[in-house]
Protein backbone atom coordinates (compact mmCIF):
# COMPACT_ATOMS: atom_id res chain seq x y z
CA MET A 1 23.28 0.33 -2.60
CA LYS A 2 21.62 -0.84 -5.79
CA ILE A 3 17.85 -0.63 -5.37
CA LEU A 4 15.23 -2.20 -7.66
CA ILE A 5 11.77 -0.65 -7.42
CA THR A 6 9.08 -2.61 -9.26
CA GLY A 7 5.66 -1.18 -10.13
CA SER A 8 7.32 2.21 -10.39
CA ASN A 9 4.48 3.78 -12.39
CA GLY A 10 1.94 3.23 -9.60
CA GLN A 11 1.14 5.51 -6.68
CA LEU A 12 3.83 4.27 -4.28
CA GLY A 13 6.37 3.55 -7.02
CA SER A 14 5.97 7.09 -8.36
CA GLU A 15 6.59 8.49 -4.87
CA MET A 16 9.66 6.27 -4.47
CA ARG A 17 10.96 7.70 -7.74
CA ARG A 18 10.21 11.30 -6.70
CA GLN A 19 11.94 10.90 -3.32
CA SER A 20 14.96 9.04 -4.74
CA GLU A 21 16.46 12.48 -5.47
CA LEU A 22 16.73 12.97 -1.69
CA HIS A 23 18.70 9.71 -1.40
CA SER A 24 21.17 10.07 -4.26
CA GLN A 25 23.78 7.91 -2.51
CA HIS A 26 21.97 4.86 -3.96
CA GLN A 27 21.73 3.59 -7.53
CA TYR A 28 18.16 2.98 -8.69
CA PHE A 29 16.43 0.69 -11.16
CA PHE A 30 12.83 1.83 -11.64
CA THR A 31 10.83 -0.77 -13.55
CA ASP A 32 7.27 -1.46 -14.55
CA VAL A 33 5.99 -4.29 -16.71
CA ALA A 34 7.60 -2.84 -19.87
CA GLU A 35 11.08 -2.97 -18.31
CA LEU A 36 10.71 -6.10 -16.16
CA ASP A 37 7.82 -8.57 -16.11
CA ILE A 38 7.88 -9.79 -12.50
CA CYS A 39 5.65 -12.73 -13.53
CA ASP A 40 8.63 -14.08 -15.52
CA ALA A 41 10.78 -16.00 -13.02
CA GLU A 42 13.83 -16.23 -15.31
CA ALA A 43 13.71 -12.53 -16.22
CA VAL A 44 13.51 -11.58 -12.54
CA GLN A 45 16.43 -13.83 -11.59
CA ALA A 46 18.56 -12.49 -14.45
CA PHE A 47 17.77 -8.83 -13.75
CA VAL A 48 18.53 -9.07 -10.03
CA GLY A 49 21.73 -11.05 -10.64
CA ASP A 50 23.04 -9.06 -13.61
CA ASN A 51 22.55 -5.75 -11.80
CA ALA A 52 23.82 -7.01 -8.40
CA ILE A 53 20.70 -5.66 -6.67
CA ASP A 54 20.95 -5.09 -2.89
CA VAL A 55 17.32 -4.18 -2.13
CA ILE A 56 14.07 -4.94 -3.96
CA VAL A 57 11.05 -2.76 -3.12
CA ASN A 58 7.99 -4.40 -4.69
CA CYS A 59 5.39 -1.70 -5.34
CA ALA A 60 3.65 -3.77 -8.04
CA ALA A 61 0.25 -5.24 -7.19
CA TYR A 62 -3.18 -6.17 -8.50
CA THR A 63 -5.34 -3.71 -6.54
CA ALA A 64 -8.72 -3.90 -8.35
CA VAL A 65 -10.34 -5.48 -5.30
CA ASP A 66 -13.79 -6.13 -6.81
CA GLN A 67 -12.45 -7.28 -10.19
CA ALA A 68 -10.22 -9.76 -8.35
CA GLU A 69 -13.34 -11.73 -7.36
CA ASP A 70 -13.78 -12.56 -11.08
CA ASN A 71 -10.04 -12.84 -11.84
CA PRO A 72 -8.60 -14.89 -8.96
CA GLU A 73 -5.79 -16.42 -11.05
CA LEU A 74 -4.53 -13.08 -12.35
CA CYS A 75 -4.76 -11.57 -8.86
CA ASP A 76 -2.81 -14.49 -7.37
CA ARG A 77 -0.19 -14.34 -10.13
CA LEU A 78 0.56 -10.65 -9.50
CA ASN A 79 0.10 -10.51 -5.73
CA HIS A 80 1.49 -13.92 -4.70
CA ILE A 81 3.41 -15.82 -7.38
CA ALA A 82 5.36 -12.83 -8.77
CA PRO A 83 6.55 -11.64 -5.32
CA CYS A 84 7.78 -15.20 -4.71
CA TYR A 85 9.97 -14.87 -7.83
CA LEU A 86 11.34 -11.60 -6.42
CA ALA A 87 11.94 -13.28 -3.04
CA LYS A 88 13.83 -16.18 -4.68
CA ALA A 89 15.98 -13.78 -6.68
CA ALA A 90 16.68 -11.70 -3.54
CA GLN A 91 17.64 -14.78 -1.54
CA THR A 92 19.96 -16.02 -4.32
CA GLN A 93 21.59 -12.59 -4.60
CA GLY A 94 21.80 -12.03 -0.82
CA ALA A 95 19.50 -9.01 -1.20
CA SER A 96 16.64 -7.72 0.96
CA LEU A 97 12.99 -7.59 -0.11
CA ILE A 98 10.46 -4.99 0.99
CA GLN A 99 6.97 -6.27 0.14
CA ILE A 100 3.86 -4.08 0.49
CA SER A 101 0.78 -5.74 1.97
CA THR A 102 -2.66 -4.63 3.13
CA ASP A 103 -5.25 -4.29 5.89
CA TYR A 104 -7.39 -6.72 3.84
CA VAL A 105 -5.48 -9.61 5.44
CA PHE A 106 -7.83 -9.08 8.44
CA ASP A 107 -11.57 -9.73 8.61
CA GLY A 108 -12.29 -6.35 10.21
CA THR A 109 -14.26 -7.66 13.19
CA ALA A 110 -11.88 -6.22 15.83
CA HIS A 111 -12.62 -3.18 17.98
CA GLN A 112 -9.04 -2.13 18.67
CA PRO A 113 -6.09 -1.54 16.33
CA TYR A 114 -4.60 -4.66 14.76
CA THR A 115 -1.05 -5.57 15.76
CA GLU A 116 1.29 -7.49 13.47
CA ASP A 117 0.84 -10.79 15.32
CA GLU A 118 -2.97 -10.87 15.14
CA PRO A 119 -4.21 -13.90 13.17
CA THR A 120 -5.06 -13.12 9.55
CA CYS A 121 -8.50 -13.93 8.19
CA PRO A 122 -8.97 -12.45 4.70
CA GLN A 123 -12.53 -12.17 3.35
CA SER A 124 -11.74 -11.51 -0.32
CA VAL A 125 -9.71 -12.92 -3.23
CA TYR A 126 -7.45 -9.87 -2.97
CA GLY A 127 -6.90 -10.39 0.76
CA ARG A 128 -6.20 -14.10 0.34
CA SER A 129 -3.60 -13.39 -2.37
CA LYS A 130 -1.82 -11.00 -0.01
CA VAL A 131 -1.81 -13.46 2.92
CA ALA A 132 -0.40 -16.21 0.68
CA CYS A 133 2.28 -13.76 -0.46
CA GLU A 134 3.25 -12.80 3.09
CA GLN A 135 3.59 -16.41 4.21
CA ASP A 136 5.62 -17.56 1.20
CA VAL A 137 8.02 -14.65 0.65
CA MET A 138 9.09 -14.70 4.30
CA GLN A 139 9.91 -18.39 3.99
CA ILE A 140 11.78 -17.94 0.71
CA CYS A 141 13.86 -14.85 1.59
CA ARG A 142 15.26 -14.42 5.10
CA GLN A 143 15.77 -10.65 4.59
CA THR A 144 12.10 -9.83 3.94
CA MET A 145 10.30 -6.83 5.42
CA ILE A 146 6.53 -6.76 4.91
CA ILE A 147 4.71 -3.46 5.36
CA ARG A 148 0.93 -3.65 5.63
CA THR A 149 -0.78 -0.40 4.76
CA ALA A 150 -4.33 0.86 4.11
CA TRP A 151 -6.43 3.38 2.18
CA MET A 152 -3.49 4.66 0.14
CA TYR A 153 -3.75 7.83 -1.95
CA SER A 154 -1.29 10.25 -3.55
CA ASN A 155 -0.82 12.98 -6.13
CA PHE A 156 -0.27 10.24 -8.73
CA GLY A 157 -2.77 7.99 -10.51
CA ASN A 158 -6.40 7.43 -9.56
CA ASN A 159 -7.48 7.28 -5.93
CA PHE A 160 -10.27 8.14 -3.50
CA VAL A 161 -9.05 11.71 -2.87
CA LYS A 162 -9.00 12.63 -6.57
CA THR A 163 -12.35 10.91 -7.13
CA MET A 164 -14.01 12.82 -4.27
CA ILE A 165 -12.65 16.14 -5.57
CA ARG A 166 -13.84 15.40 -9.12
CA LEU A 167 -17.32 14.22 -8.00
CA GLY A 168 -17.60 17.09 -5.54
CA ARG A 169 -17.14 19.54 -8.41
CA GLU A 170 -19.44 17.67 -10.79
CA ARG A 171 -22.38 16.84 -8.49
CA ASN A 172 -24.50 18.53 -5.88
CA GLN A 173 -24.70 15.39 -3.72
CA LEU A 174 -23.07 11.99 -3.28
CA GLY A 175 -23.17 9.10 -0.82
CA VAL A 176 -20.14 7.63 0.98
CA VAL A 177 -19.92 4.62 3.30
CA PHE A 178 -19.75 5.58 7.00
CA ASP A 179 -19.56 2.15 8.67
CA GLN A 180 -16.09 1.14 7.46
CA ILE A 181 -13.42 2.50 9.79
CA GLY A 182 -9.70 2.80 9.12
CA THR A 183 -6.90 5.28 8.45
CA PRO A 184 -5.84 6.85 5.15
CA THR A 185 -2.19 6.61 4.09
CA LEU A 186 -0.42 9.25 2.03
CA ALA A 187 1.93 7.39 -0.33
CA SER A 188 4.69 9.97 0.14
CA ASP A 189 4.69 9.29 3.91
CA LEU A 190 4.98 5.54 3.30
CA ALA A 191 7.76 6.08 0.75
CA ALA A 192 9.70 8.17 3.28
CA VAL A 193 9.46 5.35 5.82
CA ILE A 194 10.69 2.82 3.24
CA TYR A 195 13.76 5.00 2.62
CA THR A 196 14.29 5.27 6.38
CA ALA A 197 14.25 1.46 6.64
CA ILE A 198 16.71 1.11 3.74
CA ASN A 199 19.08 3.74 5.14
CA GLN A 200 18.98 2.52 8.75
CA GLY A 201 19.10 -1.18 7.79
CA ILE A 202 16.17 -3.42 6.92
CA GLN A 203 14.92 -5.37 9.93
CA PRO A 204 13.03 -8.44 8.65
CA GLY A 205 9.46 -9.08 9.79
CA ILE A 206 5.93 -7.72 9.42
CA TYR A 207 5.18 -4.06 10.13
CA HIS A 208 2.09 -1.86 9.99
CA TYR A 209 2.09 1.63 8.52
CA SER A 210 -0.69 4.12 7.90
CA ASN A 211 -1.12 7.69 9.00
CA GLU A 212 -2.21 8.36 12.61
CA GLY A 213 -5.83 8.80 13.66
CA VAL A 214 -9.05 7.05 12.72
CA CYS A 215 -11.95 7.89 10.41
CA SER A 216 -14.67 6.45 8.19
CA TRP A 217 -14.72 6.86 4.42
CA TYR A 218 -17.54 9.38 5.00
CA ASP A 219 -15.36 11.42 7.42
CA PHE A 220 -12.50 11.22 4.91
CA ALA A 221 -14.73 12.52 2.10
CA LEU A 222 -15.95 15.45 4.22
CA ALA A 223 -12.35 16.40 5.06
CA ILE A 224 -11.33 16.20 1.39
CA HIS A 225 -14.14 18.56 0.37
CA ARG A 226 -13.41 20.96 3.23
CA LEU A 227 -9.68 21.15 2.40
CA ALA A 228 -10.34 21.40 -1.36
CA GLY A 229 -12.82 24.25 -0.82
CA ILE A 230 -15.80 22.31 -2.20
CA THR A 231 -18.96 23.71 -0.59
CA ASN A 232 -21.92 22.93 -2.92
CA CYS A 233 -21.87 19.11 -2.75
CA ALA A 234 -23.85 17.45 0.05
CA VAL A 235 -22.17 14.22 1.22
CA ARG A 236 -24.56 11.77 2.85
CA PRO A 237 -23.55 8.71 4.89
CA LEU A 238 -24.31 5.25 3.44
CA HIS A 239 -24.37 1.83 5.09
CA THR A 240 -22.10 -0.73 3.42
CA ASN A 241 -25.16 -2.70 2.25
CA GLU A 242 -26.41 0.41 0.41
CA TYR A 243 -23.23 0.43 -1.68
CA PRO A 244 -22.99 -3.11 -3.06
CA ALA A 245 -19.52 -4.35 -3.95
CA LYS A 246 -18.32 -7.81 -5.02
CA ALA A 247 -15.49 -8.03 -2.50
CA ALA A 248 -16.01 -7.88 1.26
CA ARG A 249 -14.23 -4.95 2.96
CA PRO A 250 -13.00 -4.99 6.57
CA HIS A 251 -15.45 -2.93 8.67
CA TYR A 252 -12.68 -2.03 11.11
CA ALA A 253 -9.14 -1.90 9.72
CA VAL A 254 -7.14 0.37 12.02
CA LEU A 255 -3.49 -0.73 12.14
CA ASP A 256 -1.32 -0.47 15.26
CA LYS A 257 1.95 1.25 14.22
CA THR A 258 3.88 0.86 17.50
CA LYS A 259 6.39 -1.65 16.07
CA ILE A 260 7.54 0.42 13.08
CA LYS A 261 7.68 3.61 15.19
CA GLU A 262 9.87 1.96 17.83
CA THR A 263 12.08 0.05 15.36
CA TYR A 264 12.93 3.07 13.21
CA GLY A 265 12.38 5.94 15.65
CA ILE A 266 9.83 7.66 13.42
CA THR A 267 6.93 10.02 14.08
CA ILE A 268 3.87 9.44 11.90
CA PRO A 269 1.75 12.43 10.79
CA HIS A 270 -2.00 12.55 11.45
CA TRP A 271 -4.09 11.71 8.38
CA GLU A 272 -5.64 15.20 8.16
CA GLU A 273 -2.21 16.85 8.18
CA SER A 274 -1.04 14.57 5.34
CA LEU A 275 -4.28 15.06 3.39
CA LYS A 276 -3.80 18.83 3.60
CA ARG A 277 -0.28 18.48 2.16
CA CYS A 278 -1.54 16.29 -0.69
CA ILE A 279 -4.37 18.64 -1.65
CA GLU A 280 -2.04 21.66 -1.56
CA ARG A 281 0.24 19.83 -4.03
CA LEU A 282 -2.74 18.94 -6.27
């Protein structure tokens, strides 16, 4: 198959590139904005058609959640309008689209893991852009698979894990929010599942994927320091209102992964196991 991976310089895109060596039966087109501007409808249509693309994996996104509150148009253009161009090109070409979404589509008021059919209720510009994207791309392209994920980190780029390691080495104390609950996702685990879906056959619909288990950002930070061997930085728990941010975060954003596990016959690693692997690679 001919596979187009957009946003290939980001965390997930970089992992897709790294793991493509394990799936050499496919032909790959790794693009970022320099190679293909996904906000250019004509360029997208031409690229997908000229290269006879079979699968588009859209790893491109506007992820600066707080900045999005001040840049709603840019956020919507990257997270909603551009994926619609990819969906139109996929539908015209008879290709499949894998679109990455987020736990921010929910308001975070639940007390049990969110299933795919729970009503969405985004509380931020970022979340609203992702809900609009989900609704429109599924209408435009019949062969669309949406994967909602959460708290993503990797060995590439900037992320919470790298920040906690850096701050843990620079400071003797720091505060981390303890009243937001979710599950971290190692980008390499998500990339592996995307390849599984491509190889087994993409089943359209919405799916949830994060690592197994549950924690707060505070618990996550403690585990990062423990596994990285950082012992002289005291981490103290903060309430959300002690750490002001422009965009509202879901207080509870645990995703139910039953559907993707049953559809593709996968086992998902626990978040601590994946974190250990990531830190060993760092």
